[in-house]
């Protein structure tokens, strides 16, 4: 990903926190020589050896996984909040722009066995059921329902590189008060989130 140096975030702990809170991403690889993308939760985890990984699964009917063995290199794209920034908020004339957070994670993919697949599903369900009024556990499901696991392919991605763009008007610090005020007045969550991130 092209990132001008003033927008590059190299704070790994901050990026990991972002990935934990924005885990619904896009898995990209090549299928039959063409780019292929699937929108799925990609959960940040660690191996027993302490290596950072992403864990997920896709439907067995999705041909994307059939390319995992022949070409293990994959890209995962994660989007955070974004907002249009009007140049009418600047002290000097300039073109409008867009502020945003985006993280690209590169890695090597490996298909999981049945036990590893079930372990990953338990973790996934437990994480997202935590805030439910009546949290569900996979332990509550019948063997018949759990047989649907046969219809998925679970995998882990050993992370080889992380690129993070945090474009928050870093080159216009003198305009920050006005940009923050204008974004805060908008009704959309993206503008409000960007305003909050820009606050000192």
Protein backbone atom coordinates (compact mmCIF):
# COMPACT_ATOMS: atom_id res chain seq x y z
CA UNK A 1 0.00 0.00 0.00
CA UNK A 2 1.31 3.45 -0.85
CA UNK A 3 1.58 5.49 2.36
CA UNK A 4 3.24 8.93 2.49
CA UNK A 5 5.63 8.88 5.48
CA UNK A 6 3.60 11.39 7.51
CA UNK A 7 0.55 9.08 7.44
CA UNK A 8 2.42 5.86 8.24
CA UNK A 9 1.65 4.35 11.65
CA UNK A 10 4.38 2.03 12.95
CA UNK A 11 3.05 1.69 16.51
CA UNK A 12 2.45 -2.09 16.51
CA UNK A 13 0.45 -2.13 19.75
CA UNK A 14 -1.90 0.58 18.44
CA UNK A 15 -2.31 -1.30 15.15
CA UNK A 16 -3.05 -4.59 16.97
CA UNK A 17 -5.67 -2.82 19.05
CA UNK A 18 -7.19 -1.50 15.81
CA UNK A 19 -7.25 -5.03 14.33
CA UNK A 20 -8.93 -6.41 17.46
CA UNK A 21 -11.69 -3.80 17.20
CA UNK A 22 -12.04 -3.84 13.39
CA UNK A 23 -11.64 -7.53 12.62
CA UNK A 24 -14.14 -7.74 9.76
CA UNK A 25 -11.80 -7.55 6.80
CA UNK A 26 -11.22 -8.59 3.21
CA UNK A 27 -9.12 -11.65 2.35
CA UNK A 28 -7.42 -11.24 -1.04
CA UNK A 29 -5.49 -13.79 -3.10
CA UNK A 30 -5.45 -15.08 -6.66
CA UNK A 31 -7.81 -17.71 -8.06
CA UNK A 32 -7.07 -18.90 -11.60
CA UNK A 33 -4.81 -15.88 -12.15
CA UNK A 34 -7.44 -13.31 -11.12
CA UNK A 35 -7.75 -11.30 -7.88
CA UNK A 36 -10.33 -12.83 -5.52
CA UNK A 37 -11.69 -11.22 -2.35
CA UNK A 38 -13.92 -12.46 0.48
CA UNK A 39 -15.38 -10.34 3.29
CA UNK A 40 -14.93 -12.21 6.58
CA UNK A 41 -13.93 -11.78 10.23
CA UNK A 42 -10.15 -12.21 10.51
CA UNK A 43 -9.23 -12.60 14.18
CA UNK A 44 -5.82 -11.59 15.51
CA UNK A 45 -4.25 -14.35 17.59
CA UNK A 46 -0.84 -15.83 18.51
CA UNK A 47 0.72 -19.23 18.01
CA UNK A 48 2.18 -21.17 20.94
CA UNK A 49 5.58 -19.92 19.73
CA UNK A 50 4.38 -16.31 20.08
CA UNK A 51 4.00 -15.50 16.36
CA UNK A 52 1.20 -13.14 15.34
CA UNK A 53 -1.46 -14.77 13.18
CA UNK A 54 -4.91 -14.12 11.78
CA UNK A 55 -7.49 -16.91 12.02
CA UNK A 56 -10.67 -17.30 9.99
CA UNK A 57 -12.78 -19.62 7.85
CA UNK A 58 -14.70 -19.55 4.58
CA UNK A 59 -17.33 -21.75 2.97
CA UNK A 60 -16.02 -24.88 1.28
CA UNK A 61 -18.12 -23.82 -1.72
CA UNK A 62 -15.92 -20.70 -2.07
CA UNK A 63 -13.13 -21.63 -4.54
CA UNK A 64 -10.71 -19.21 -2.88
CA UNK A 65 -9.34 -21.81 -0.46
CA UNK A 66 -8.34 -24.16 -3.30
CA UNK A 67 -5.51 -21.74 -4.17
CA UNK A 68 -4.10 -21.67 -0.63
CA UNK A 69 -1.70 -24.56 -1.23
CA UNK A 70 -0.30 -23.46 -4.58
CA UNK A 71 0.04 -19.79 -3.58
CA UNK A 72 0.27 -19.24 0.17
CA UNK A 73 0.76 -15.44 0.01
CA UNK A 74 -2.41 -13.52 0.94
CA UNK A 75 -3.40 -9.94 1.73
CA UNK A 76 -5.95 -8.94 4.36
CA UNK A 77 -7.45 -5.44 4.23
CA UNK A 78 -9.03 -3.75 7.25
CA UNK A 79 -10.90 -0.44 7.11
CA UNK A 80 -11.48 1.89 10.01
CA UNK A 81 -13.48 5.12 10.14
CA UNK A 82 -13.25 7.57 7.25
CA UNK A 83 -14.60 11.02 6.47
CA UNK A 84 -14.66 13.61 3.71
CA UNK A 85 -12.71 16.75 4.66
CA UNK A 86 -13.81 19.97 2.95
CA UNK A 87 -11.03 22.41 2.07
CA UNK A 88 -13.46 25.20 2.97
CA UNK A 89 -12.35 24.44 6.54
CA UNK A 90 -8.73 25.35 5.75
CA UNK A 91 -7.10 28.71 6.38
CA UNK A 92 -5.48 28.60 2.93
CA UNK A 93 -6.85 27.45 -0.42
CA UNK A 94 -6.35 23.76 -1.11
CA UNK A 95 -8.24 20.80 -2.59
CA UNK A 96 -10.62 18.72 -0.43
CA UNK A 97 -9.48 15.30 0.80
CA UNK A 98 -10.48 12.22 2.75
CA UNK A 99 -9.24 11.18 6.20
CA UNK A 100 -9.20 7.49 7.05
CA UNK A 101 -7.57 4.54 8.76
CA UNK A 102 -6.62 1.45 6.73
CA UNK A 103 -4.42 -1.52 7.61
CA UNK A 104 -3.00 -4.08 5.18
CA UNK A 105 -1.73 -7.36 6.60
CA UNK A 106 0.36 -9.71 4.46
CA UNK A 107 1.02 -13.31 5.37
CA UNK A 108 1.28 -17.01 4.58
CA UNK A 109 -1.92 -19.03 4.77
CA UNK A 110 -2.26 -22.57 6.12
CA UNK A 111 -5.42 -24.70 6.30
CA UNK A 112 -6.33 -25.94 9.79
CA UNK A 113 -7.24 -29.50 10.77
CA UNK A 114 -10.59 -30.40 12.35
CA UNK A 115 -9.50 -29.92 15.99
CA UNK A 116 -7.86 -26.57 15.19
CA UNK A 117 -10.99 -25.52 13.28
CA UNK A 118 -13.26 -26.26 16.25
CA UNK A 119 -10.92 -24.43 18.64
CA UNK A 120 -10.97 -21.35 16.38
CA UNK A 121 -14.78 -21.44 16.16
CA UNK A 122 -15.16 -21.66 19.94
CA UNK A 123 -12.91 -18.59 20.32
CA UNK A 124 -14.79 -16.66 17.64
CA UNK A 125 -18.26 -17.38 19.04
CA UNK A 126 -17.20 -16.73 22.65
CA UNK A 127 -15.69 -13.34 21.69
CA UNK A 128 -18.79 -12.06 19.91
CA UNK A 129 -21.40 -13.63 22.20
CA UNK A 130 -19.84 -11.97 25.25
CA UNK A 131 -22.03 -8.88 24.92
CA UNK A 132 -25.26 -10.75 24.13
CA UNK A 133 -28.24 -10.78 26.48
CA UNK A 134 -28.32 -14.56 26.26
CA UNK A 135 -24.80 -15.62 25.24
CA UNK A 136 -24.66 -18.72 23.08
CA UNK A 137 -21.92 -21.31 23.35
CA UNK A 138 -21.10 -23.90 20.73
CA UNK A 139 -21.54 -26.36 23.62
CA UNK A 140 -25.27 -25.52 23.45
CA UNK A 141 -25.59 -26.71 19.85
CA UNK A 142 -26.64 -30.20 18.87
CA UNK A 143 -24.26 -32.56 17.03
CA UNK A 144 -26.57 -32.26 14.02
CA UNK A 145 -26.13 -28.46 13.89
CA UNK A 146 -22.38 -28.69 14.51
CA UNK A 147 -22.07 -30.97 11.48
CA UNK A 148 -22.32 -27.77 9.42
CA UNK A 149 -18.65 -27.26 10.33
CA UNK A 150 -17.92 -29.84 7.61
CA UNK A 151 -18.98 -27.16 5.11
CA UNK A 152 -16.21 -24.71 5.99
CA UNK A 153 -12.45 -24.45 5.56
CA UNK A 154 -10.64 -22.83 8.49
CA UNK A 155 -7.18 -21.37 8.15
CA UNK A 156 -4.53 -19.30 9.85
CA UNK A 157 -2.31 -16.64 8.33
CA UNK A 158 1.20 -16.18 9.69
CA UNK A 159 1.75 -12.43 9.50
CA UNK A 160 4.83 -11.38 7.50
CA UNK A 161 4.17 -7.65 7.14
CA UNK A 162 1.77 -4.97 8.40
CA UNK A 163 1.24 -1.62 6.70
CA UNK A 164 -0.95 0.96 8.43
CA UNK A 165 -2.17 4.30 7.06
CA UNK A 166 -3.62 6.75 9.58
CA UNK A 167 -4.45 9.79 7.43
CA UNK A 168 -5.64 12.41 9.92
CA UNK A 169 -4.63 15.75 8.37
CA UNK A 170 -1.14 15.48 9.88
CA UNK A 171 0.20 17.99 7.32
CA UNK A 172 -2.32 20.67 8.40
CA UNK A 173 -1.98 20.95 12.20
CA UNK A 174 -3.05 24.63 12.13
CA UNK A 175 -6.41 23.57 10.61
CA UNK A 176 -7.11 20.81 13.13
CA UNK A 177 -9.43 22.81 15.45
CA UNK A 178 -11.72 23.77 12.53
CA UNK A 179 -11.63 20.27 10.94
CA UNK A 180 -12.43 18.62 14.29
CA UNK A 181 -15.28 21.05 14.99
CA UNK A 182 -16.83 20.57 11.53
CA UNK A 183 -16.54 16.77 11.63
CA UNK A 184 -18.01 16.69 15.14
CA UNK A 185 -21.13 18.53 13.92
CA UNK A 186 -21.89 15.88 11.31
CA UNK A 187 -24.37 13.12 12.05
CA UNK A 188 -22.43 10.19 10.54
CA UNK A 189 -20.35 7.90 12.80
CA UNK A 190 -17.30 8.00 10.49
CA UNK A 191 -16.92 11.79 10.74
CA UNK A 192 -17.41 11.70 14.52
CA UNK A 193 -14.84 8.90 14.91
CA UNK A 194 -12.24 10.73 12.79
CA UNK A 195 -12.83 13.93 14.80
CA UNK A 196 -12.25 11.99 18.02
CA UNK A 197 -9.02 10.46 16.66
CA UNK A 198 -7.75 13.90 15.63
CA UNK A 199 -8.27 15.44 19.07
CA UNK A 200 -5.01 16.11 20.96
